[in-house]
Amino acid sequence: MAEAAGHELTIRRVFDAPQDLVFQMWADPRNLGAWWGPRGFVAVAVDMDVAPGGSWRTCIRPQDDDATEYWCSGRYQEVSPPDRLVFTFAWEQPPGTRGHETVVTVTFAAVGDRTEMVFHQTPFETTEDRDEHESGWAEAFDDLTLHLTDVMWEGEPT
């Protein structure tokens, strides 16, 4: 479920996985790289220093295009395992030059043996920009659901 108010975006998802594992999907580069990006894209680079003040940077590209790359990056403001992550987010336009920066807050709460994740991102410059992010994140979270299923089936994180 997504809520779009003004230049803010909130997405709530419940995953059939324990809270520690869902948090780990955001904190481990191998796991993040398995689901990061909208449908039809693949993460080709993931660099993360998951600590307050630490930086992160990812590159995604369309699955059928080896030449086009989209880089994004930011800094972790808060890392509170397994409950909360706060980080900045900006697309690099061109790579190495950061565009408009938003703040992403992701909270994780155990609901029995499931986890409710609340994703919040703000401020967007336009509602169109917010809506594009809503679509991309929703698709990425669909892939996160699939990756969690794979990890749970295999018995340990990748």
Protein backbone atom coordinates (compact mmCIF):
# COMPACT_ATOMS: atom_id res chain seq x y z
CA MET A 1 0.00 0.00 0.00
CA ALA A 2 1.32 3.44 -0.93
CA GLU A 3 0.33 6.87 0.29
CA ALA A 4 1.34 9.90 -1.73
CA ALA A 5 0.75 13.24 -0.03
CA GLY A 6 2.25 16.38 -1.52
CA HIS A 7 5.92 15.73 -2.09
CA GLU A 8 6.17 12.77 0.29
CA LEU A 9 5.91 9.07 -0.38
CA THR A 10 5.03 6.34 2.11
CA ILE A 11 4.85 2.65 1.18
CA ARG A 12 3.84 -0.06 3.65
CA ARG A 13 4.59 -3.72 3.01
CA VAL A 14 4.28 -6.83 5.15
CA PHE A 15 6.78 -9.58 4.39
CA ASP A 16 6.56 -13.24 5.37
CA ALA A 17 9.99 -13.12 6.96
CA PRO A 18 11.47 -12.25 10.36
CA GLN A 19 12.41 -8.65 11.12
CA ASP A 20 16.17 -9.34 11.34
CA LEU A 21 16.16 -10.87 7.87
CA VAL A 22 14.16 -8.04 6.26
CA PHE A 23 16.53 -5.51 7.82
CA GLN A 24 19.47 -7.52 6.45
CA MET A 25 18.06 -7.20 2.92
CA TRP A 26 18.79 -3.46 3.23
CA ALA A 27 22.10 -3.76 5.09
CA ASP A 28 24.02 -6.40 3.10
CA PRO A 29 25.26 -5.42 -0.39
CA ARG A 30 24.77 -8.91 -1.85
CA ASN A 31 21.15 -8.99 -0.74
CA LEU A 32 20.42 -5.37 -1.68
CA GLY A 33 21.85 -5.99 -5.15
CA ALA A 34 19.43 -8.89 -5.64
CA TRP A 35 16.32 -6.69 -5.52
CA TRP A 36 17.35 -3.01 -5.90
CA GLY A 37 15.84 -1.20 -8.88
CA PRO A 38 12.56 -1.21 -10.79
CA ARG A 39 11.31 -4.13 -12.88
CA GLY A 40 13.54 -4.81 -15.87
CA PHE A 41 16.67 -3.42 -14.21
CA VAL A 42 19.60 -5.15 -12.56
CA ALA A 43 21.99 -3.79 -9.95
CA VAL A 44 25.52 -4.01 -11.36
CA ALA A 45 27.37 -2.23 -8.55
CA VAL A 46 26.56 -1.92 -4.85
CA ASP A 47 28.93 -0.24 -2.39
CA MET A 48 27.74 0.26 1.18
CA ASP A 49 29.22 1.38 4.51
CA VAL A 50 26.14 0.80 6.67
CA ALA A 51 26.99 3.00 9.66
CA PRO A 52 25.95 6.50 10.69
CA GLY A 53 27.85 8.84 8.36
CA GLY A 54 28.75 5.96 6.04
CA SER A 55 28.10 6.27 2.34
CA TRP A 56 26.36 4.03 -0.17
CA ARG A 57 26.31 3.99 -3.97
CA THR A 58 24.56 1.74 -6.47
CA CYS A 59 24.36 1.42 -10.23
CA ILE A 60 21.42 -0.12 -12.06
CA ARG A 61 21.02 -0.75 -15.76
CA PRO A 62 18.30 -2.15 -17.96
CA GLN A 63 18.60 -5.93 -18.26
CA ASP A 64 18.85 -5.72 -22.06
CA ASP A 65 21.25 -2.74 -22.26
CA ASP A 66 24.87 -3.05 -21.16
CA ALA A 67 25.68 0.59 -21.95
CA THR A 68 23.08 2.63 -20.05
CA GLU A 69 23.81 3.10 -16.34
CA TYR A 70 21.87 4.90 -13.62
CA TRP A 71 23.85 5.74 -10.48
CA CYS A 72 22.41 6.84 -7.13
CA SER A 73 24.09 7.49 -3.82
CA GLY A 74 23.75 8.89 -0.34
CA ARG A 75 24.81 8.78 3.30
CA TYR A 76 23.44 6.86 6.24
CA GLN A 77 22.10 9.18 8.92
CA GLU A 78 20.79 6.51 11.29
CA VAL A 79 21.39 2.77 11.48
CA SER A 80 19.44 1.02 14.26
CA PRO A 81 19.28 -2.73 13.54
CA PRO A 82 16.81 -4.30 13.17
CA ASP A 83 14.33 -1.44 13.56
CA ARG A 84 15.28 1.54 11.41
CA LEU A 85 17.45 2.95 8.63
CA VAL A 86 17.63 6.60 7.60
CA PHE A 87 19.69 7.66 4.59
CA THR A 88 19.88 10.31 1.93
CA PHE A 89 19.16 9.45 -1.71
CA ALA A 90 20.06 11.27 -4.92
CA TRP A 91 20.42 10.28 -8.54
CA GLU A 92 23.79 11.15 -10.01
CA GLN A 93 23.36 13.27 -13.12
CA PRO A 94 25.91 12.65 -14.71
CA PRO A 95 27.67 10.03 -12.55
CA GLY A 96 29.59 11.76 -9.78
CA THR A 97 27.31 14.84 -9.79
CA ARG A 98 24.38 14.53 -7.40
CA GLY A 99 20.90 15.72 -8.26
CA HIS A 100 18.08 16.62 -5.85
CA GLU A 101 18.53 14.88 -2.50
CA THR A 102 15.74 13.22 -0.53
CA VAL A 103 15.73 11.49 2.85
CA VAL A 104 14.57 7.89 3.09
CA THR A 105 13.40 6.42 6.40
CA VAL A 106 12.70 2.69 6.55
CA THR A 107 11.25 1.17 9.70
CA PHE A 108 10.82 -2.52 10.43
CA ALA A 109 8.41 -3.98 12.99
CA ALA A 110 7.79 -7.60 13.89
CA VAL A 111 4.19 -8.68 13.46
CA GLY A 112 4.27 -12.25 14.75
CA ASP A 113 6.65 -14.10 12.45
CA ARG A 114 6.16 -11.47 9.71
CA THR A 115 7.63 -7.98 9.29
CA GLU A 116 5.90 -4.72 8.51
CA MET A 117 8.18 -2.36 6.61
CA VAL A 118 7.27 1.31 6.32
CA PHE A 119 9.22 3.18 3.66
CA HIS A 120 9.09 7.00 3.65
CA GLN A 121 10.88 9.34 1.22
CA THR A 122 10.77 13.14 1.15
CA PRO A 123 10.92 15.87 -0.14
CA PHE A 124 10.35 15.49 -3.85
CA GLU A 125 10.59 18.51 -6.10
CA THR A 126 7.42 17.57 -8.01
CA THR A 127 4.51 15.15 -7.67
CA GLU A 128 5.59 13.60 -10.98
CA ASP A 129 9.01 12.81 -9.51
CA ARG A 130 7.33 11.34 -6.43
CA ASP A 131 5.03 9.20 -8.59
CA GLU A 132 7.96 7.86 -10.63
CA HIS A 133 9.71 6.87 -7.40
CA GLU A 134 6.52 5.26 -6.09
CA SER A 135 6.33 3.04 -9.17
CA GLY A 136 10.04 2.13 -9.07
CA TRP A 137 10.07 1.34 -5.35
CA ALA A 138 6.88 -0.72 -5.61
CA GLU A 139 8.50 -2.84 -8.31
CA ALA A 140 11.71 -3.15 -6.29
CA PHE A 141 9.71 -4.26 -3.24
CA ASP A 142 8.01 -6.91 -5.39
CA ASP A 143 11.52 -8.19 -6.18
CA LEU A 144 12.42 -7.96 -2.49
CA THR A 145 9.46 -10.22 -1.72
CA LEU A 146 10.74 -12.76 -4.25
CA HIS A 147 14.30 -12.56 -2.93
CA LEU A 148 13.10 -13.05 0.66
CA THR A 149 11.18 -16.13 -0.47
CA ASP A 150 14.32 -17.52 -2.13
CA VAL A 151 16.44 -16.81 0.96
CA MET A 152 13.85 -18.35 3.29
CA TRP A 153 13.62 -21.42 1.04
CA GLU A 154 17.41 -21.80 0.93
CA GLY A 155 17.66 -21.35 4.69
CA GLU A 156 20.24 -18.53 4.86
CA PRO A 157 20.93 -15.13 3.29
CA THR A 158 22.90 -15.10 0.06
